[in-house]
Amino acid sequence: MSRFDPPTPEQTAAVDAAIRTRHSMRAFLPTPVSRETVEQILEVASWAPSGTNTQPWQVHVLTGGALERIAGRIQAAYLDPTQNAAHKEEYAYYPHEWRSPYIDRRRKVGWDLYGLLGIEKTDKARMQHQHGRNFVFFDAPVGLFFTIDRVMQQGSWLDYGMFLQNVMVAARARGLHTCPQAAFTQFHALIAEELALAPAQMLVCGMSLGYADPSAVENGLVTQRAPVAEFARFLET
């Protein structure tokens, strides 16, 4: 298929299905994912657009002992109150002042997840445990860290978002699932040390990659989407 050929209905349906069935999974099977498959996903994802073809993404793929080591270290820092307090995010992912409808959507997805897991609003210990699952990549066999050169500006972060989406959609096309995780940004200094990052490299986020556990109740969470009429304007005259 050339870049000028229209897609067949089957191709359109396949792309739509990969996008629509991409959900953030929070429990994975131990089934290995081959390096070849990960490389295929990243190669496809690299076709994401970027301003003047700058391609600002850098990816660090962890499996096996390397994954266990860094996950164990982050989890230990998260669970230790003194260490936890010493680690701060390097950039603000969320707004400093929440407004509707964003805060409403945020609260709903949180309580929907906790509801599936049977976690009450007052059960701080189980909430902390569930959040801590981020730092073991929800038991996925592959952990990804994404970094960007600090010289790059806001436009390159927009480009990066398109690359991340490509990674997740390409994974779905191969029967895999993902969970993009901004939670890791709190421990950017620890991660930079473990990955031996150059000072010029900044952590963007992490991501879990693997085969979703269909028996895990938390994987039944399906978030809602606003209808097109709510977020789009069509101007014709």
C-alpha atoms as a PDB file:
ATOM      1  CA  MET A   1       0.000   0.000   0.000  1.00  0.00           C
ATOM      2  CA  SER A   2       1.496   3.339  -1.057  1.00  0.00           C
ATOM      3  CA  ARG A   3       0.962   6.564   0.839  1.00  0.00           C
ATOM      4  CA  PHE A   4      -1.469   7.689  -1.871  1.00  0.00           C
ATOM      5  CA  ASP A   5      -3.687   4.594  -1.968  1.00  0.00           C
ATOM      6  CA  PRO A   6      -6.973   4.823  -0.046  1.00  0.00           C
ATOM      7  CA  PRO A   7      -7.224   2.200   2.715  1.00  0.00           C
ATOM      8  CA  THR A   8      -9.561  -0.707   2.258  1.00  0.00           C
ATOM      9  CA  PRO A   9     -12.573  -0.961   4.577  1.00  0.00           C
ATOM     10  CA  GLU A  10     -10.783  -3.810   6.367  1.00  0.00           C
ATOM     11  CA  GLN A  11      -7.697  -1.660   6.938  1.00  0.00           C
ATOM     12  CA  THR A  12      -9.798   1.207   8.240  1.00  0.00           C
ATOM     13  CA  ALA A  13     -11.622  -1.138  10.604  1.00  0.00           C
ATOM     14  CA  ALA A  14      -8.324  -2.569  11.881  1.00  0.00           C
ATOM     15  CA  VAL A  15      -6.917   0.869  12.675  1.00  0.00           C
ATOM     16  CA  ASP A  16     -10.155   1.964  14.347  1.00  0.00           C
ATOM     17  CA  ALA A  17     -10.243  -1.234  16.414  1.00  0.00           C
ATOM     18  CA  ALA A  18      -6.654  -0.761  17.619  1.00  0.00           C
ATOM     19  CA  ILE A  19      -7.462   2.777  18.752  1.00  0.00           C
ATOM     20  CA  ARG A  20     -10.814   1.964  20.355  1.00  0.00           C
ATOM     21  CA  THR A  21      -9.573  -1.123  22.226  1.00  0.00           C
ATOM     22  CA  ARG A  22      -6.528   0.637  23.648  1.00  0.00           C
ATOM     23  CA  HIS A  23      -7.162   0.980  27.354  1.00  0.00           C
ATOM     24  CA  SER A  24      -4.756   1.496  30.228  1.00  0.00           C
ATOM     25  CA  MET A  25      -4.325  -1.962  31.730  1.00  0.00           C
ATOM     26  CA  ARG A  26      -3.277  -2.329  35.354  1.00  0.00           C
ATOM     27  CA  ALA A  27      -2.557  -6.063  35.554  1.00  0.00           C
ATOM     28  CA  PHE A  28      -0.436  -8.082  33.142  1.00  0.00           C
ATOM     29  CA  LEU A  29       0.377 -11.726  32.539  1.00  0.00           C
ATOM     30  CA  PRO A  30       4.000 -12.912  32.880  1.00  0.00           C
ATOM     31  CA  THR A  31       3.973 -13.997  29.221  1.00  0.00           C
ATOM     32  CA  PRO A  32       7.225 -12.762  27.657  1.00  0.00           C
ATOM     33  CA  VAL A  33       7.268 -10.238  24.816  1.00  0.00           C
ATOM     34  CA  SER A  34      10.118 -10.763  22.376  1.00  0.00           C
ATOM     35  CA  ARG A  35      12.681  -8.072  21.674  1.00  0.00           C
ATOM     36  CA  GLU A  36      11.780  -8.387  17.989  1.00  0.00           C
ATOM     37  CA  THR A  37       8.167  -7.453  18.752  1.00  0.00           C
ATOM     38  CA  VAL A  38       9.196  -4.447  20.838  1.00  0.00           C
ATOM     39  CA  GLU A  39      11.518  -3.293  18.066  1.00  0.00           C
ATOM     40  CA  GLN A  40       8.683  -3.630  15.534  1.00  0.00           C
ATOM     41  CA  ILE A  41       6.410  -1.522  17.728  1.00  0.00           C
ATOM     42  CA  LEU A  42       9.036   1.191  18.145  1.00  0.00           C
ATOM     43  CA  GLU A  43       9.863   1.211  14.436  1.00  0.00           C
ATOM     44  CA  VAL A  44       6.207   1.721  13.519  1.00  0.00           C
ATOM     45  CA  ALA A  45       5.832   4.355  16.241  1.00  0.00           C
ATOM     46  CA  SER A  46       8.836   6.273  14.896  1.00  0.00           C
ATOM     47  CA  TRP A  47       6.705   7.345  11.940  1.00  0.00           C
ATOM     48  CA  ALA A  48       4.906   9.789  14.225  1.00  0.00           C
ATOM     49  CA  PRO A  49       5.044  13.361  12.919  1.00  0.00           C
ATOM     50  CA  SER A  50       7.421  15.837  14.514  1.00  0.00           C
ATOM     51  CA  GLY A  51       8.148  19.470  13.734  1.00  0.00           C
ATOM     52  CA  THR A  52      10.821  19.660  10.998  1.00  0.00           C
ATOM     53  CA  ASN A  53      11.387  15.926  11.563  1.00  0.00           C
ATOM     54  CA  THR A  54      13.226  16.490  14.852  1.00  0.00           C
ATOM     55  CA  GLN A  55      12.098  13.090  16.268  1.00  0.00           C
ATOM     56  CA  PRO A  56      12.687  14.100  19.916  1.00  0.00           C
ATOM     57  CA  TRP A  57      11.989  10.697  21.481  1.00  0.00           C
ATOM     58  CA  GLN A  58      14.474   8.456  23.292  1.00  0.00           C
ATOM     59  CA  VAL A  59      13.284   5.077  24.608  1.00  0.00           C
ATOM     60  CA  HIS A  60      14.772   2.860  27.317  1.00  0.00           C
ATOM     61  CA  VAL A  61      13.460  -0.721  27.278  1.00  0.00           C
ATOM     62  CA  LEU A  62      13.757  -2.829  30.425  1.00  0.00           C
ATOM     63  CA  THR A  63      13.106  -6.549  30.859  1.00  0.00           C
ATOM     64  CA  GLY A  64      14.280  -9.326  33.155  1.00  0.00           C
ATOM     65  CA  GLY A  65      16.703  -8.446  35.915  1.00  0.00           C
ATOM     66  CA  ALA A  66      17.060  -4.837  34.795  1.00  0.00           C
ATOM     67  CA  LEU A  67      13.315  -4.326  35.128  1.00  0.00           C
ATOM     68  CA  GLU A  68      13.140  -6.055  38.509  1.00  0.00           C
ATOM     69  CA  ARG A  69      16.058  -4.036  39.870  1.00  0.00           C
ATOM     70  CA  ILE A  70      14.715  -0.593  38.998  1.00  0.00           C
ATOM     71  CA  ALA A  71      11.144  -1.516  39.950  1.00  0.00           C
ATOM     72  CA  GLY A  72      12.343  -2.754  43.331  1.00  0.00           C
ATOM     73  CA  ARG A  73      14.304   0.402  43.983  1.00  0.00           C
ATOM     74  CA  ILE A  74      11.430   2.722  43.027  1.00  0.00           C
ATOM     75  CA  GLN A  75       8.932   0.691  45.045  1.00  0.00           C
ATOM     76  CA  ALA A  76      11.190   0.882  48.103  1.00  0.00           C
ATOM     77  CA  ALA A  77      11.496   4.661  47.741  1.00  0.00           C
ATOM     78  CA  TYR A  78       7.740   4.986  47.334  1.00  0.00           C
ATOM     79  CA  LEU A  79       6.979   2.976  50.471  1.00  0.00           C
ATOM     80  CA  ASP A  80       9.515   4.771  52.665  1.00  0.00           C
ATOM     81  CA  PRO A  81       7.912   8.040  53.886  1.00  0.00           C
ATOM     82  CA  THR A  82      11.244   9.856  54.169  1.00  0.00           C
ATOM     83  CA  GLN A  83      12.445   8.838  50.716  1.00  0.00           C
ATOM     84  CA  ASN A  84       9.029   9.445  49.192  1.00  0.00           C
ATOM     85  CA  ALA A  85       8.940  13.009  50.504  1.00  0.00           C
ATOM     86  CA  ALA A  86      12.399  13.672  49.067  1.00  0.00           C
ATOM     87  CA  HIS A  87      11.355  12.849  45.503  1.00  0.00           C
ATOM     88  CA  LYS A  88       9.443  15.519  43.573  1.00  0.00           C
ATOM     89  CA  GLU A  89       8.158  15.720  40.002  1.00  0.00           C
ATOM     90  CA  GLU A  90      10.330  17.724  37.643  1.00  0.00           C
ATOM     91  CA  TYR A  91       7.416  19.120  35.658  1.00  0.00           C
ATOM     92  CA  ALA A  92       3.720  19.659  36.322  1.00  0.00           C
ATOM     93  CA  TYR A  93       1.663  17.075  34.499  1.00  0.00           C
ATOM     94  CA  TYR A  94      -1.631  18.205  35.980  1.00  0.00           C
ATOM     95  CA  PRO A  95      -2.948  21.753  36.523  1.00  0.00           C
ATOM     96  CA  HIS A  96      -2.301  23.520  39.810  1.00  0.00           C
ATOM     97  CA  GLU A  97      -5.946  24.617  39.862  1.00  0.00           C
ATOM     98  CA  TRP A  98      -8.549  22.045  38.886  1.00  0.00           C
ATOM     99  CA  ARG A  99     -11.785  23.073  37.181  1.00  0.00           C
ATOM    100  CA  SER A 100     -14.844  21.319  35.842  1.00  0.00           C
ATOM    101  CA  PRO A 101     -15.175  19.215  33.710  1.00  0.00           C
ATOM    102  CA  TYR A 102     -11.574  18.024  34.195  1.00  0.00           C
ATOM    103  CA  ILE A 103     -11.749  17.481  37.935  1.00  0.00           C
ATOM    104  CA  ASP A 104     -15.058  15.647  37.513  1.00  0.00           C
ATOM    105  CA  ARG A 105     -13.553  13.251  34.972  1.00  0.00           C
ATOM    106  CA  ARG A 106     -10.484  12.719  37.139  1.00  0.00           C
ATOM    107  CA  ARG A 107     -12.555  11.875  40.203  1.00  0.00           C
ATOM    108  CA  LYS A 108     -14.843   9.556  38.268  1.00  0.00           C
ATOM    109  CA  VAL A 109     -12.062   7.419  36.821  1.00  0.00           C
ATOM    110  CA  GLY A 110     -10.429   7.182  40.231  1.00  0.00           C
ATOM    111  CA  TRP A 111     -13.559   6.110  42.053  1.00  0.00           C
ATOM    112  CA  ASP A 112     -14.591   3.792  39.216  1.00  0.00           C
ATOM    113  CA  LEU A 113     -11.246   1.996  39.527  1.00  0.00           C
ATOM    114  CA  TYR A 114     -11.420   1.809  43.306  1.00  0.00           C
ATOM    115  CA  GLY A 115     -15.008   0.627  43.056  1.00  0.00           C
ATOM    116  CA  LEU A 116     -13.985  -2.310  40.863  1.00  0.00           C
ATOM    117  CA  LEU A 117     -11.266  -3.182  43.370  1.00  0.00           C
ATOM    118  CA  GLY A 118     -13.573  -2.806  46.361  1.00  0.00           C
ATOM    119  CA  ILE A 119     -11.501   0.004  47.865  1.00  0.00           C
ATOM    120  CA  GLU A 120     -13.474   2.343  50.114  1.00  0.00           C
ATOM    121  CA  LYS A 121     -12.836   6.098  50.106  1.00  0.00           C
ATOM    122  CA  THR A 122     -11.435   5.901  53.621  1.00  0.00           C
ATOM    123  CA  ASP A 123      -9.073   2.986  52.921  1.00  0.00           C
ATOM    124  CA  LYS A 124      -5.847   4.946  52.473  1.00  0.00           C
ATOM    125  CA  ALA A 125      -3.640   1.875  52.857  1.00  0.00           C
ATOM    126  CA  ARG A 126      -5.218   0.043  49.916  1.00  0.00           C
ATOM    127  CA  MET A 127      -5.169   3.233  47.840  1.00  0.00           C
ATOM    128  CA  GLN A 128      -1.456   3.551  48.504  1.00  0.00           C
ATOM    129  CA  HIS A 129      -0.915  -0.094  47.599  1.00  0.00           C
ATOM    130  CA  GLN A 130      -2.818   0.280  44.332  1.00  0.00           C
ATOM    131  CA  HIS A 131      -0.869   3.402  43.385  1.00  0.00           C
ATOM    132  CA  GLY A 132       2.336   1.561  44.218  1.00  0.00           C
ATOM    133  CA  ARG A 133       1.457  -1.037  41.570  1.00  0.00           C
ATOM    134  CA  ASN A 134       2.582   1.572  39.048  1.00  0.00           C
ATOM    135  CA  PHE A 135       6.165   1.163  40.181  1.00  0.00           C
ATOM    136  CA  VAL A 136       6.323  -2.560  39.450  1.00  0.00           C
ATOM    137  CA  PHE A 137       4.844  -1.872  35.995  1.00  0.00           C
ATOM    138  CA  PHE A 138       1.696  -3.737  37.051  1.00  0.00           C
ATOM    139  CA  ASP A 139       3.765  -6.949  36.673  1.00  0.00           C
ATOM    140  CA  ALA A 140       4.238  -6.397  32.922  1.00  0.00           C
ATOM    141  CA  PRO A 141       7.274  -8.174  31.406  1.00  0.00           C
ATOM    142  CA  VAL A 142       8.413  -5.007  29.627  1.00  0.00           C
ATOM    143  CA  GLY A 143       8.908  -1.564  31.114  1.00  0.00           C
ATOM    144  CA  LEU A 144       9.565   1.502  28.987  1.00  0.00           C
ATOM    145  CA  PHE A 145      10.978   4.860  29.990  1.00  0.00           C
ATOM    146  CA  PHE A 146      10.760   7.814  27.622  1.00  0.00           C
ATOM    147  CA  THR A 147      13.162  10.744  27.787  1.00  0.00           C
ATOM    148  CA  ILE A 148      13.638  13.988  25.895  1.00  0.00           C
ATOM    149  CA  ASP A 149      16.518  16.391  25.516  1.00  0.00           C
ATOM    150  CA  ARG A 150      16.063  19.373  27.814  1.00  0.00           C
ATOM    151  CA  VAL A 151      16.797  21.786  24.965  1.00  0.00           C
ATOM    152  CA  MET A 152      13.504  20.812  23.297  1.00  0.00           C
ATOM    153  CA  GLN A 153      10.463  23.005  23.907  1.00  0.00           C
ATOM    154  CA  GLN A 154       6.693  22.639  24.143  1.00  0.00           C
ATOM    155  CA  GLY A 155       6.191  21.762  20.487  1.00  0.00           C
ATOM    156  CA  SER A 156       8.451  18.753  20.829  1.00  0.00           C
ATOM    157  CA  TRP A 157       6.398  17.550  23.786  1.00  0.00           C
ATOM    158  CA  LEU A 158       3.340  17.666  21.532  1.00  0.00           C
ATOM    159  CA  ASP A 159       5.276  15.573  19.013  1.00  0.00           C
ATOM    160  CA  TYR A 160       6.178  13.177  21.808  1.00  0.00           C
ATOM    161  CA  GLY A 161       2.518  12.615  22.624  1.00  0.00           C
ATOM    162  CA  MET A 162       1.884  11.465  19.061  1.00  0.00           C
ATOM    163  CA  PHE A 163       4.823   9.066  19.308  1.00  0.00           C
ATOM    164  CA  LEU A 164       3.500   7.621  22.564  1.00  0.00           C
ATOM    165  CA  GLN A 165       0.079   7.108  21.004  1.00  0.00           C
ATOM    166  CA  ASN A 166       1.721   5.299  18.099  1.00  0.00           C
ATOM    167  CA  VAL A 167       3.507   2.980  20.533  1.00  0.00           C
ATOM    168  CA  MET A 168       0.236   2.085  22.228  1.00  0.00           C
ATOM    169  CA  VAL A 169      -1.725   1.589  19.008  1.00  0.00           C
ATOM    170  CA  ALA A 170       1.052  -0.472  17.412  1.00  0.00           C
ATOM    171  CA  ALA A 171       1.104  -2.628  20.544  1.00  0.00           C
ATOM    172  CA  ARG A 172      -2.652  -3.232  20.289  1.00  0.00           C
ATOM    173  CA  ALA A 173      -2.255  -4.224  16.641  1.00  0.00           C
ATOM    174  CA  ARG A 174      -0.026  -7.056  17.923  1.00  0.00           C
ATOM    175  CA  GLY A 175      -2.408  -8.224  20.623  1.00  0.00           C
ATOM    176  CA  LEU A 176      -0.589  -6.393  23.398  1.00  0.00           C
ATOM    177  CA  HIS A 177      -1.704  -3.807  25.914  1.00  0.00           C
ATOM    178  CA  THR A 178      -0.032  -0.880  27.622  1.00  0.00           C
ATOM    179  CA  CYS A 179      -0.383   1.561  30.466  1.00  0.00           C
ATOM    180  CA  PRO A 180       1.225   4.997  30.060  1.00  0.00           C
ATOM    181  CA  GLN A 181       2.398   6.205  33.478  1.00  0.00           C
ATOM    182  CA  ALA A 182       3.186   9.726  34.572  1.00  0.00           C
ATOM    183  CA  ALA A 183       3.500   8.387  38.135  1.00  0.00           C
ATOM    184  CA  PHE A 184       7.160   7.603  37.480  1.00  0.00           C
ATOM    185  CA  THR A 185       8.037  11.275  37.083  1.00  0.00           C
ATOM    186  CA  GLN A 186       8.141  11.692  40.872  1.00  0.00           C
ATOM    187  CA  PHE A 187      11.205   9.433  40.916  1.00  0.00           C
ATOM    188  CA  HIS A 188      12.992  10.959  37.926  1.00  0.00           C
ATOM    189  CA  ALA A 189      16.280  11.401  39.803  1.00  0.00           C
ATOM    190  CA  LEU A 190      16.382   7.755  40.854  1.00  0.00           C
ATOM    191  CA  ILE A 191      15.476   6.615  37.343  1.00  0.00           C
ATOM    192  CA  ALA A 192      18.111   8.871  35.789  1.00  0.00           C
ATOM    193  CA  GLU A 193      20.707   7.293  38.072  1.00  0.00           C
ATOM    194  CA  GLU A 194      19.632   3.741  37.262  1.00  0.00           C
ATOM    195  CA  LEU A 195      19.568   4.390  33.510  1.00  0.00           C
ATOM    196  CA  ALA A 196      22.805   6.416  33.608  1.00  0.00           C
ATOM    197  CA  LEU A 197      21.066   9.252  31.795  1.00  0.00           C
ATOM    198  CA  ALA A 198      23.078  12.225  30.631  1.00  0.00           C
ATOM    199  CA  PRO A 199      22.146  15.431  32.513  1.00  0.00           C
ATOM    200  CA  ALA A 200      20.621  16.777  29.288  1.00  0.00           C
ATOM    201  CA  GLN A 201      18.025  13.990  29.265  1.00  0.00           C
ATOM    202  CA  MET A 202      14.684  14.518  31.030  1.00  0.00           C
ATOM    203  CA  LEU A 203      12.164  11.821  31.933  1.00  0.00           C
ATOM    204  CA  VAL A 204       8.816  12.222  30.163  1.00  0.00           C
ATOM    205  CA  CYS A 205       6.962   9.162  31.486  1.00  0.00           C
ATOM    206  CA  GLY A 206       7.037   5.404  31.835  1.00  0.00           C
ATOM    207  CA  MET A 207       4.904   2.709  30.247  1.00  0.00           C
ATOM    208  CA  SER A 208       3.997  -0.899  30.979  1.00  0.00           C
ATOM    209  CA  LEU A 209       3.836  -3.263  27.997  1.00  0.00           C
ATOM    210  CA  GLY A 210       2.634  -6.835  27.827  1.00  0.00           C
ATOM    211  CA  TYR A 211      -0.363  -9.125  27.592  1.00  0.00           C
ATOM    212  CA  ALA A 212      -3.234  -7.938  29.780  1.00  0.00           C
ATOM    213  CA  ASP A 213      -4.585 -10.313  32.422  1.00  0.00           C
ATOM    214  CA  PRO A 214      -8.230 -10.817  31.369  1.00  0.00           C
ATOM    215  CA  SER A 215      -9.138 -12.169  34.804  1.00  0.00           C
ATOM    216  CA  ALA A 216      -8.008  -9.021  36.665  1.00  0.00           C
ATOM    217  CA  VAL A 217     -11.044  -7.006  37.750  1.00  0.00           C
ATOM    218  CA  GLU A 218      -9.200  -3.700  37.352  1.00  0.00           C
ATOM    219  CA  ASN A 219      -8.780  -4.386  33.640  1.00  0.00           C
ATOM    220  CA  GLY A 220     -12.533  -4.158  33.279  1.00  0.00           C
ATOM    221  CA  LEU A 221     -12.357  -0.386  33.702  1.00  0.00           C
ATOM    222  CA  VAL A 222     -13.518   1.412  30.569  1.00  0.00           C
ATOM    223  CA  THR A 223     -13.402   5.199  30.751  1.00  0.00           C
ATOM    224  CA  GLN A 224     -16.037   7.336  29.101  1.00  0.00           C
ATOM    225  CA  ARG A 225     -15.439   9.705  26.208  1.00  0.00           C
ATOM    226  CA  ALA A 226     -17.262  12.956  25.561  1.00  0.00           C
ATOM    227  CA  PRO A 227     -19.315  12.997  22.341  1.00  0.00           C
ATOM    228  CA  VAL A 228     -17.895  14.882  19.375  1.00  0.00           C
ATOM    229  CA  ALA A 229     -20.583  17.559  19.714  1.00  0.00           C
ATOM    230  CA  GLU A 230     -19.200  18.408  23.152  1.00  0.00           C
ATOM    231  CA  PHE A 231     -15.649  19.237  22.085  1.00  0.00           C
ATOM    232  CA  ALA A 232     -15.786  20.081  18.364  1.00  0.00           C
ATOM    233  CA  ARG A 233     -17.108  23.093  16.415  1.00  0.00           C
ATOM    234  CA  PHE A 234     -17.858  22.926  12.708  1.00  0.00           C
ATOM    235  CA  LEU A 235     -17.693  26.313  10.938  1.00  0.00           C
ATOM    236  CA  GLU A 236     -18.961  26.327   7.368  1.00  0.00           C
ATOM    237  CA  THR A 237     -19.721  29.954   6.512  1.00  0.00           C
END
